[in-house]
């Protein structure tokens, strides 16, 4: 619905997989602008999309992406994004998920009370290459989405201000309206394609790759375990075979709870 196949399909073509766009309304699984709340986790939403895609196309495998953007959990005044790409073989139930964090996303929002403040918002967000959404603070539905020209923006802001005296401006996070997000999805697709091209050493199923990380990297000075990553766990989601790959080196004492309490 939002053109993600343009970023995803080329990576899959390199490993001999053709991506077909499913003609479904993916907004029913949740929208960034808030009219429809996402039910469950990112993986839940992507899984529902993948199943719907397989059903509509009649193909055995569904592929879906899901994103979440908001304040950084450690530095709240900075934004952060999470992207997820899910591969689901509906015949076997075999599911492979690849994720990526974007620490410099094109994500911003602001409530303004005048057209002048609205213009300042545009100046810092990359408009018009980056589309924006205008919403009345009182209304649940946006006044306008996908705005990429000043005249439409001015009209939408005036309408929102007339309704409530305030306009909620936000970056349009739909992939076809957000070049940065589309690029990140493309990078993530490359990672998933590479993983699909990696067979499990135990059962030969596709998709062997990193499942999670293990904290506890040893401090260089006192050998205390820290919160830094000590190992990566690679595995197969088909047969559950796993391999632990320790990371080299030691943690700087600055990250040690004993050396730097």
C-alpha atoms as a PDB file:
ATOM      1  CA  UNK A   1       0.000   0.000   0.000  1.00  0.00           C
ATOM      2  CA  UNK A   2       2.937   2.320   0.690  1.00  0.00           C
ATOM      3  CA  UNK A   3       5.366   1.209  -2.011  1.00  0.00           C
ATOM      4  CA  UNK A   4       7.767  -0.760   0.181  1.00  0.00           C
ATOM      5  CA  UNK A   5       8.285  -3.344  -2.560  1.00  0.00           C
ATOM      6  CA  UNK A   6      10.494  -0.795  -4.327  1.00  0.00           C
ATOM      7  CA  UNK A   7      12.989  -1.054  -1.454  1.00  0.00           C
ATOM      8  CA  UNK A   8      12.515  -4.747  -0.680  1.00  0.00           C
ATOM      9  CA  UNK A   9      12.158  -6.558  -4.007  1.00  0.00           C
ATOM     10  CA  UNK A  10      15.645  -5.843  -5.457  1.00  0.00           C
ATOM     11  CA  UNK A  11      17.382  -7.506  -2.487  1.00  0.00           C
ATOM     12  CA  UNK A  12      15.206 -10.609  -2.739  1.00  0.00           C
ATOM     13  CA  UNK A  13      15.667 -10.793  -6.510  1.00  0.00           C
ATOM     14  CA  UNK A  14      19.406 -11.265  -5.911  1.00  0.00           C
ATOM     15  CA  UNK A  15      18.695 -14.570  -4.151  1.00  0.00           C
ATOM     16  CA  UNK A  16      16.090 -15.692  -6.687  1.00  0.00           C
ATOM     17  CA  UNK A  17      12.925 -14.667  -4.828  1.00  0.00           C
ATOM     18  CA  UNK A  18      10.217 -12.633  -6.557  1.00  0.00           C
ATOM     19  CA  UNK A  19       8.186 -10.245  -4.398  1.00  0.00           C
ATOM     20  CA  UNK A  20       4.554  -9.673  -5.396  1.00  0.00           C
ATOM     21  CA  UNK A  21       2.623  -6.776  -3.890  1.00  0.00           C
ATOM     22  CA  UNK A  22      -0.597  -7.845  -2.189  1.00  0.00           C
ATOM     23  CA  UNK A  23      -3.598  -5.601  -2.869  1.00  0.00           C
ATOM     24  CA  UNK A  24      -4.755  -5.170   0.730  1.00  0.00           C
ATOM     25  CA  UNK A  25      -5.516  -2.188   2.955  1.00  0.00           C
ATOM     26  CA  UNK A  26      -2.710  -2.413   5.510  1.00  0.00           C
ATOM     27  CA  UNK A  27      -4.024   0.654   7.370  1.00  0.00           C
ATOM     28  CA  UNK A  28      -6.495  -1.693   9.045  1.00  0.00           C
ATOM     29  CA  UNK A  29      -3.585  -3.067  11.076  1.00  0.00           C
ATOM     30  CA  UNK A  30      -2.771   0.379  12.501  1.00  0.00           C
ATOM     31  CA  UNK A  31      -1.752   3.854  11.371  1.00  0.00           C
ATOM     32  CA  UNK A  32       1.028   6.197  12.464  1.00  0.00           C
ATOM     33  CA  UNK A  33      -1.404   9.113  12.577  1.00  0.00           C
ATOM     34  CA  UNK A  34      -3.521   7.406  15.211  1.00  0.00           C
ATOM     35  CA  UNK A  35      -6.929   6.887  13.583  1.00  0.00           C
ATOM     36  CA  UNK A  36      -6.482   3.128  13.926  1.00  0.00           C
ATOM     37  CA  UNK A  37      -4.520   1.743  16.862  1.00  0.00           C
ATOM     38  CA  UNK A  38      -2.108  -1.112  16.258  1.00  0.00           C
ATOM     39  CA  UNK A  39      -3.238  -4.271  18.030  1.00  0.00           C
ATOM     40  CA  UNK A  40      -0.472  -6.156  19.806  1.00  0.00           C
ATOM     41  CA  UNK A  41       3.251  -5.902  19.182  1.00  0.00           C
ATOM     42  CA  UNK A  42       5.128  -4.949  16.024  1.00  0.00           C
ATOM     43  CA  UNK A  43       5.607  -8.646  15.303  1.00  0.00           C
ATOM     44  CA  UNK A  44       1.883  -9.314  15.827  1.00  0.00           C
ATOM     45  CA  UNK A  45       0.958  -6.633  13.298  1.00  0.00           C
ATOM     46  CA  UNK A  46       3.535  -7.805  10.757  1.00  0.00           C
ATOM     47  CA  UNK A  47       2.378 -11.396  11.191  1.00  0.00           C
ATOM     48  CA  UNK A  48      -1.232 -10.405  10.510  1.00  0.00           C
ATOM     49  CA  UNK A  49      -0.148  -8.498   7.393  1.00  0.00           C
ATOM     50  CA  UNK A  50       1.917 -11.446   6.135  1.00  0.00           C
ATOM     51  CA  UNK A  51      -0.968 -13.870   6.590  1.00  0.00           C
ATOM     52  CA  UNK A  52      -3.344 -11.503   4.806  1.00  0.00           C
ATOM     53  CA  UNK A  53      -0.863 -11.098   1.943  1.00  0.00           C
ATOM     54  CA  UNK A  54      -0.486 -14.855   1.514  1.00  0.00           C
ATOM     55  CA  UNK A  55      -4.245 -15.288   1.534  1.00  0.00           C
ATOM     56  CA  UNK A  56      -4.866 -12.579  -1.073  1.00  0.00           C
ATOM     57  CA  UNK A  57      -2.059 -13.618  -3.435  1.00  0.00           C
ATOM     58  CA  UNK A  58      -2.499 -17.363  -2.986  1.00  0.00           C
ATOM     59  CA  UNK A  59       1.260 -17.657  -2.441  1.00  0.00           C
ATOM     60  CA  UNK A  60       2.660 -19.795   0.391  1.00  0.00           C
ATOM     61  CA  UNK A  61       4.918 -17.125   1.899  1.00  0.00           C
ATOM     62  CA  UNK A  62       3.883 -13.763   3.291  1.00  0.00           C
ATOM     63  CA  UNK A  63       6.345 -10.904   3.817  1.00  0.00           C
ATOM     64  CA  UNK A  64       5.503  -7.803   5.851  1.00  0.00           C
ATOM     65  CA  UNK A  65       7.148  -4.808   7.443  1.00  0.00           C
ATOM     66  CA  UNK A  66       6.219  -2.823  10.530  1.00  0.00           C
ATOM     67  CA  UNK A  67       7.757   0.251  12.135  1.00  0.00           C
ATOM     68  CA  UNK A  68       7.528   2.099  15.436  1.00  0.00           C
ATOM     69  CA  UNK A  69       8.873   5.582  16.120  1.00  0.00           C
ATOM     70  CA  UNK A  70       8.996   7.777  19.193  1.00  0.00           C
ATOM     71  CA  UNK A  71      11.222   9.284  21.905  1.00  0.00           C
ATOM     72  CA  UNK A  72      14.543   7.585  22.662  1.00  0.00           C
ATOM     73  CA  UNK A  73      14.185   5.468  25.861  1.00  0.00           C
ATOM     74  CA  UNK A  74      17.419   6.858  27.343  1.00  0.00           C
ATOM     75  CA  UNK A  75      17.558  10.354  25.793  1.00  0.00           C
ATOM     76  CA  UNK A  76      13.860  11.336  25.498  1.00  0.00           C
ATOM     77  CA  UNK A  77      14.442  14.535  23.540  1.00  0.00           C
ATOM     78  CA  UNK A  78      15.934  12.499  20.680  1.00  0.00           C
ATOM     79  CA  UNK A  79      13.812  10.321  18.369  1.00  0.00           C
ATOM     80  CA  UNK A  80      14.426   6.664  17.628  1.00  0.00           C
ATOM     81  CA  UNK A  81      12.910   4.194  15.197  1.00  0.00           C
ATOM     82  CA  UNK A  82      12.461   0.433  15.137  1.00  0.00           C
ATOM     83  CA  UNK A  83      11.874  -1.436  11.885  1.00  0.00           C
ATOM     84  CA  UNK A  84      10.842  -5.079  11.591  1.00  0.00           C
ATOM     85  CA  UNK A  85      10.611  -7.341   8.546  1.00  0.00           C
ATOM     86  CA  UNK A  86       8.848 -10.686   8.886  1.00  0.00           C
ATOM     87  CA  UNK A  87       8.945 -13.716   6.585  1.00  0.00           C
ATOM     88  CA  UNK A  88       6.192 -16.286   7.179  1.00  0.00           C
ATOM     89  CA  UNK A  89       5.900 -19.650   5.446  1.00  0.00           C
ATOM     90  CA  UNK A  90       2.193 -20.339   5.951  1.00  0.00           C
ATOM     91  CA  UNK A  91       2.528 -24.000   4.991  1.00  0.00           C
ATOM     92  CA  UNK A  92       5.146 -24.887   7.605  1.00  0.00           C
ATOM     93  CA  UNK A  93       4.694 -22.059  10.106  1.00  0.00           C
ATOM     94  CA  UNK A  94       8.395 -21.230   9.765  1.00  0.00           C
ATOM     95  CA  UNK A  95       8.848 -17.567  10.672  1.00  0.00           C
ATOM     96  CA  UNK A  96      11.953 -15.398  10.364  1.00  0.00           C
ATOM     97  CA  UNK A  97      12.145 -11.885  11.809  1.00  0.00           C
ATOM     98  CA  UNK A  98      14.872  -9.345  11.198  1.00  0.00           C
ATOM     99  CA  UNK A  99      14.940  -5.997  13.003  1.00  0.00           C
ATOM    100  CA  UNK A 100      16.867  -2.739  12.790  1.00  0.00           C
ATOM    101  CA  UNK A 101      17.149   0.365  14.960  1.00  0.00           C
ATOM    102  CA  UNK A 102      17.320   3.784  13.325  1.00  0.00           C
ATOM    103  CA  UNK A 103      18.871   6.279  15.721  1.00  0.00           C
ATOM    104  CA  UNK A 104      18.569   9.174  13.267  1.00  0.00           C
ATOM    105  CA  UNK A 105      15.058   8.828  11.853  1.00  0.00           C
ATOM    106  CA  UNK A 106      13.077  11.459  10.000  1.00  0.00           C
ATOM    107  CA  UNK A 107      10.564  11.800  12.814  1.00  0.00           C
ATOM    108  CA  UNK A 108       9.217  14.964  14.413  1.00  0.00           C
ATOM    109  CA  UNK A 109       5.991  16.495  15.651  1.00  0.00           C
ATOM    110  CA  UNK A 110       4.836  19.785  17.112  1.00  0.00           C
ATOM    111  CA  UNK A 111       1.669  21.538  18.225  1.00  0.00           C
ATOM    112  CA  UNK A 112       1.474  25.085  16.866  1.00  0.00           C
ATOM    113  CA  UNK A 113      -0.932  27.956  17.411  1.00  0.00           C
ATOM    114  CA  UNK A 114      -0.014  30.154  14.453  1.00  0.00           C
ATOM    115  CA  UNK A 115       0.928  29.840  10.775  1.00  0.00           C
ATOM    116  CA  UNK A 116       4.340  31.342  11.580  1.00  0.00           C
ATOM    117  CA  UNK A 117       5.187  28.515  13.989  1.00  0.00           C
ATOM    118  CA  UNK A 118       4.046  26.024  11.352  1.00  0.00           C
ATOM    119  CA  UNK A 119       6.514  27.431   8.801  1.00  0.00           C
ATOM    120  CA  UNK A 120       9.359  26.959  11.311  1.00  0.00           C
ATOM    121  CA  UNK A 121       8.386  23.279  11.600  1.00  0.00           C
ATOM    122  CA  UNK A 122       8.727  22.829   7.851  1.00  0.00           C
ATOM    123  CA  UNK A 123      12.137  24.468   7.822  1.00  0.00           C
ATOM    124  CA  UNK A 124      13.667  21.783  10.018  1.00  0.00           C
ATOM    125  CA  UNK A 125      11.946  18.674   8.652  1.00  0.00           C
ATOM    126  CA  UNK A 126      13.137  18.464   5.053  1.00  0.00           C
ATOM    127  CA  UNK A 127       9.844  19.545   3.482  1.00  0.00           C
ATOM    128  CA  UNK A 128       8.797  19.053   0.685  1.00  0.00           C
ATOM    129  CA  UNK A 129      10.952  15.945   0.040  1.00  0.00           C
ATOM    130  CA  UNK A 130       9.644  14.752   3.385  1.00  0.00           C
ATOM    131  CA  UNK A 131       5.837  14.825   3.547  1.00  0.00           C
ATOM    132  CA  UNK A 132       3.947  16.007   6.614  1.00  0.00           C
ATOM    133  CA  UNK A 133       0.568  15.455   8.257  1.00  0.00           C
ATOM    134  CA  UNK A 134      -1.657  18.171   9.711  1.00  0.00           C
ATOM    135  CA  UNK A 135      -4.207  17.270  12.341  1.00  0.00           C
ATOM    136  CA  UNK A 136      -6.610  19.238  14.484  1.00  0.00           C
ATOM    137  CA  UNK A 137      -5.746  18.741  18.159  1.00  0.00           C
ATOM    138  CA  UNK A 138      -9.398  17.949  18.935  1.00  0.00           C
ATOM    139  CA  UNK A 139     -10.042  15.614  16.009  1.00  0.00           C
ATOM    140  CA  UNK A 140      -8.970  11.980  15.749  1.00  0.00           C
ATOM    141  CA  UNK A 141      -8.617  12.019  11.956  1.00  0.00           C
ATOM    142  CA  UNK A 142      -5.937  14.118  10.199  1.00  0.00           C
ATOM    143  CA  UNK A 143      -6.987  17.181   8.234  1.00  0.00           C
ATOM    144  CA  UNK A 144      -4.555  16.090   5.505  1.00  0.00           C
ATOM    145  CA  UNK A 145      -1.837  13.460   5.009  1.00  0.00           C
ATOM    146  CA  UNK A 146       1.044  13.263   2.557  1.00  0.00           C
ATOM    147  CA  UNK A 147       1.383  17.036   2.193  1.00  0.00           C
ATOM    148  CA  UNK A 148       4.273  17.989  -0.093  1.00  0.00           C
ATOM    149  CA  UNK A 149       3.364  21.474  -1.296  1.00  0.00           C
ATOM    150  CA  UNK A 150       3.109  24.788   0.608  1.00  0.00           C
ATOM    151  CA  UNK A 151      -0.390  25.716  -0.579  1.00  0.00           C
ATOM    152  CA  UNK A 152      -1.938  22.471   0.676  1.00  0.00           C
ATOM    153  CA  UNK A 153      -0.005  22.792   3.924  1.00  0.00           C
ATOM    154  CA  UNK A 154      -1.181  26.358   4.546  1.00  0.00           C
ATOM    155  CA  UNK A 155      -4.789  25.388   3.843  1.00  0.00           C
ATOM    156  CA  UNK A 156      -4.637  22.373   6.179  1.00  0.00           C
ATOM    157  CA  UNK A 157      -3.036  24.378   9.002  1.00  0.00           C
ATOM    158  CA  UNK A 158      -5.674  27.111   8.656  1.00  0.00           C
ATOM    159  CA  UNK A 159      -8.410  24.477   8.835  1.00  0.00           C
ATOM    160  CA  UNK A 160      -6.914  22.838  11.938  1.00  0.00           C
ATOM    161  CA  UNK A 161      -6.436  26.198  13.674  1.00  0.00           C
ATOM    162  CA  UNK A 162     -10.029  27.156  12.886  1.00  0.00           C
ATOM    163  CA  UNK A 163     -11.283  23.942  14.474  1.00  0.00           C
ATOM    164  CA  UNK A 164      -9.415  24.094  17.770  1.00  0.00           C
ATOM    165  CA  UNK A 165      -6.958  26.977  17.806  1.00  0.00           C
ATOM    166  CA  UNK A 166      -4.111  24.477  17.582  1.00  0.00           C
ATOM    167  CA  UNK A 167      -2.633  22.347  14.809  1.00  0.00           C
ATOM    168  CA  UNK A 168      -0.748  19.111  15.400  1.00  0.00           C
ATOM    169  CA  UNK A 169       2.018  18.800  12.811  1.00  0.00           C
ATOM    170  CA  UNK A 170       3.893  15.563  12.310  1.00  0.00           C
ATOM    171  CA  UNK A 171       6.237  13.890   9.880  1.00  0.00           C
ATOM    172  CA  UNK A 172       4.387  11.464   7.630  1.00  0.00           C
ATOM    173  CA  UNK A 173       5.916   8.124   8.639  1.00  0.00           C
ATOM    174  CA  UNK A 174       4.368   6.097   5.816  1.00  0.00           C
ATOM    175  CA  UNK A 175       7.266   4.664   3.825  1.00  0.00           C
ATOM    176  CA  UNK A 176       6.326   6.171   0.453  1.00  0.00           C
ATOM    177  CA  UNK A 177       6.197   9.608   2.103  1.00  0.00           C
ATOM    178  CA  UNK A 178       9.371   9.240   4.167  1.00  0.00           C
ATOM    179  CA  UNK A 179      12.594   8.776   2.144  1.00  0.00           C
ATOM    180  CA  UNK A 180      14.703   8.052   5.226  1.00  0.00           C
ATOM    181  CA  UNK A 181      12.378   5.291   6.386  1.00  0.00           C
ATOM    182  CA  UNK A 182      12.239   3.754   2.911  1.00  0.00           C
ATOM    183  CA  UNK A 183      16.042   3.611   2.844  1.00  0.00           C
ATOM    184  CA  UNK A 184      16.148   1.893   6.237  1.00  0.00           C
ATOM    185  CA  UNK A 185      13.576  -0.679   5.096  1.00  0.00           C
ATOM    186  CA  UNK A 186      15.755  -1.364   2.062  1.00  0.00           C
ATOM    187  CA  UNK A 187      18.796  -1.929   4.256  1.00  0.00           C
ATOM    188  CA  UNK A 188      16.783  -4.230   6.490  1.00  0.00           C
ATOM    189  CA  UNK A 189      15.556  -6.160   3.448  1.00  0.00           C
ATOM    190  CA  UNK A 190      19.169  -6.733   2.444  1.00  0.00           C
ATOM    191  CA  UNK A 191      19.880  -8.219   5.840  1.00  0.00           C
ATOM    192  CA  UNK A 192      16.832 -10.488   5.721  1.00  0.00           C
ATOM    193  CA  UNK A 193      17.686 -11.649   2.201  1.00  0.00           C
ATOM    194  CA  UNK A 194      21.225 -12.517   3.309  1.00  0.00           C
ATOM    195  CA  UNK A 195      19.797 -14.429   6.249  1.00  0.00           C
ATOM    196  CA  UNK A 196      17.363 -16.340   4.038  1.00  0.00           C
ATOM    197  CA  UNK A 197      20.349 -17.294   1.907  1.00  0.00           C
ATOM    198  CA  UNK A 198      22.077 -18.810   4.961  1.00  0.00           C
ATOM    199  CA  UNK A 199      21.029 -22.417   5.689  1.00  0.00           C
ATOM    200  CA  UNK A 200      20.914 -23.856   9.190  1.00  0.00           C
ATOM    201  CA  UNK A 201      23.986 -26.063   9.801  1.00  0.00           C
ATOM    202  CA  UNK A 202      21.768 -28.574  11.594  1.00  0.00           C
ATOM    203  CA  UNK A 203      18.655 -28.890   9.401  1.00  0.00           C
ATOM    204  CA  UNK A 204      19.483 -26.813   6.287  1.00  0.00           C
ATOM    205  CA  UNK A 205      16.360 -24.659   6.657  1.00  0.00           C
ATOM    206  CA  UNK A 206      16.820 -21.099   5.361  1.00  0.00           C
ATOM    207  CA  UNK A 207      17.205 -18.155   7.699  1.00  0.00           C
ATOM    208  CA  UNK A 208      20.003 -19.031  10.095  1.00  0.00           C
ATOM    209  CA  UNK A 209      21.079 -15.823  11.839  1.00  0.00           C
ATOM    210  CA  UNK A 210      21.166 -13.712  14.970  1.00  0.00           C
ATOM    211  CA  UNK A 211      18.289 -14.291  17.360  1.00  0.00           C
ATOM    212  CA  UNK A 212      19.371 -12.298  20.398  1.00  0.00           C
ATOM    213  CA  UNK A 213      22.306 -10.967  22.376  1.00  0.00           C
ATOM    214  CA  UNK A 214      23.686 -11.852  25.807  1.00  0.00           C
ATOM    215  CA  UNK A 215      24.902  -9.130  28.167  1.00  0.00           C
ATOM    216  CA  UNK A 216      27.831  -9.489  30.570  1.00  0.00           C
ATOM    217  CA  UNK A 217      30.991  -8.330  28.776  1.00  0.00           C
ATOM    218  CA  UNK A 218      33.838  -8.527  31.314  1.00  0.00           C
ATOM    219  CA  UNK A 219      35.430  -5.345  32.631  1.00  0.00           C
ATOM    220  CA  UNK A 220      39.019  -4.914  31.450  1.00  0.00           C
ATOM    221  CA  UNK A 221      40.276  -3.919  34.922  1.00  0.00           C
ATOM    222  CA  UNK A 222      38.369  -5.989  37.482  1.00  0.00           C
ATOM    223  CA  UNK A 223      36.649  -8.736  35.422  1.00  0.00           C
ATOM    224  CA  UNK A 224      33.193  -7.780  36.698  1.00  0.00           C
ATOM    225  CA  UNK A 225      30.327  -8.446  34.301  1.00  0.00           C
ATOM    226  CA  UNK A 226      28.900  -5.280  32.738  1.00  0.00           C
ATOM    227  CA  UNK A 227      25.679  -4.537  30.905  1.00  0.00           C
ATOM    228  CA  UNK A 228      27.451  -4.518  27.557  1.00  0.00           C
ATOM    229  CA  UNK A 229      26.932  -7.322  25.049  1.00  0.00           C
ATOM    230  CA  UNK A 230      29.190 -10.329  25.613  1.00  0.00           C
ATOM    231  CA  UNK A 231      27.873 -12.671  22.928  1.00  0.00           C
ATOM    232  CA  UNK A 232      25.520 -13.017  19.989  1.00  0.00           C
ATOM    233  CA  UNK A 233      23.224 -16.027  19.741  1.00  0.00           C
ATOM    234  CA  UNK A 234      22.631 -17.223  16.189  1.00  0.00           C
ATOM    235  CA  UNK A 235      20.044 -19.836  15.519  1.00  0.00           C
ATOM    236  CA  UNK A 236      17.390 -21.480  13.402  1.00  0.00           C
ATOM    237  CA  UNK A 237      13.710 -20.722  13.944  1.00  0.00           C
ATOM    238  CA  UNK A 238      12.762 -24.009  12.267  1.00  0.00           C
ATOM    239  CA  UNK A 239      14.657 -26.585  14.355  1.00  0.00           C
ATOM    240  CA  UNK A 240      15.772 -24.299  17.251  1.00  0.00           C
ATOM    241  CA  UNK A 241      19.459 -25.109  16.796  1.00  0.00           C
ATOM    242  CA  UNK A 242      21.568 -22.323  18.349  1.00  0.00           C
ATOM    243  CA  UNK A 243      25.216 -21.258  18.407  1.00  0.00           C
ATOM    244  CA  UNK A 244      26.680 -18.767  20.890  1.00  0.00           C
ATOM    245  CA  UNK A 245      29.311 -16.442  19.382  1.00  0.00           C
ATOM    246  CA  UNK A 246      31.287 -14.567  22.059  1.00  0.00           C
ATOM    247  CA  UNK A 247      32.378 -11.026  21.254  1.00  0.00           C
ATOM    248  CA  UNK A 248      36.067 -10.216  21.436  1.00  0.00           C
ATOM    249  CA  UNK A 249      37.615  -7.757  23.851  1.00  0.00           C
ATOM    250  CA  UNK A 250      36.676  -6.329  27.215  1.00  0.00           C
ATOM    251  CA  UNK A 251      34.432  -3.575  28.531  1.00  0.00           C
ATOM    252  CA  UNK A 252      35.882  -0.185  29.360  1.00  0.00           C
ATOM    253  CA  UNK A 253      35.870   0.416  33.151  1.00  0.00           C
ATOM    254  CA  UNK A 254      33.594   3.405  32.521  1.00  0.00           C
ATOM    255  CA  UNK A 255      30.777   0.898  31.926  1.00  0.00           C
ATOM    256  CA  UNK A 256      31.622  -1.265  34.950  1.00  0.00           C
ATOM    257  CA  UNK A 257      29.276  -1.228  37.976  1.00  0.00           C
ATOM    258  CA  UNK A 258      32.262  -1.873  40.289  1.00  0.00           C
ATOM    259  CA  UNK A 259      34.835   0.489  38.799  1.00  0.00           C
ATOM    260  CA  UNK A 260      32.302   3.223  38.039  1.00  0.00           C
ATOM    261  CA  UNK A 261      29.335   2.681  40.389  1.00  0.00           C
END
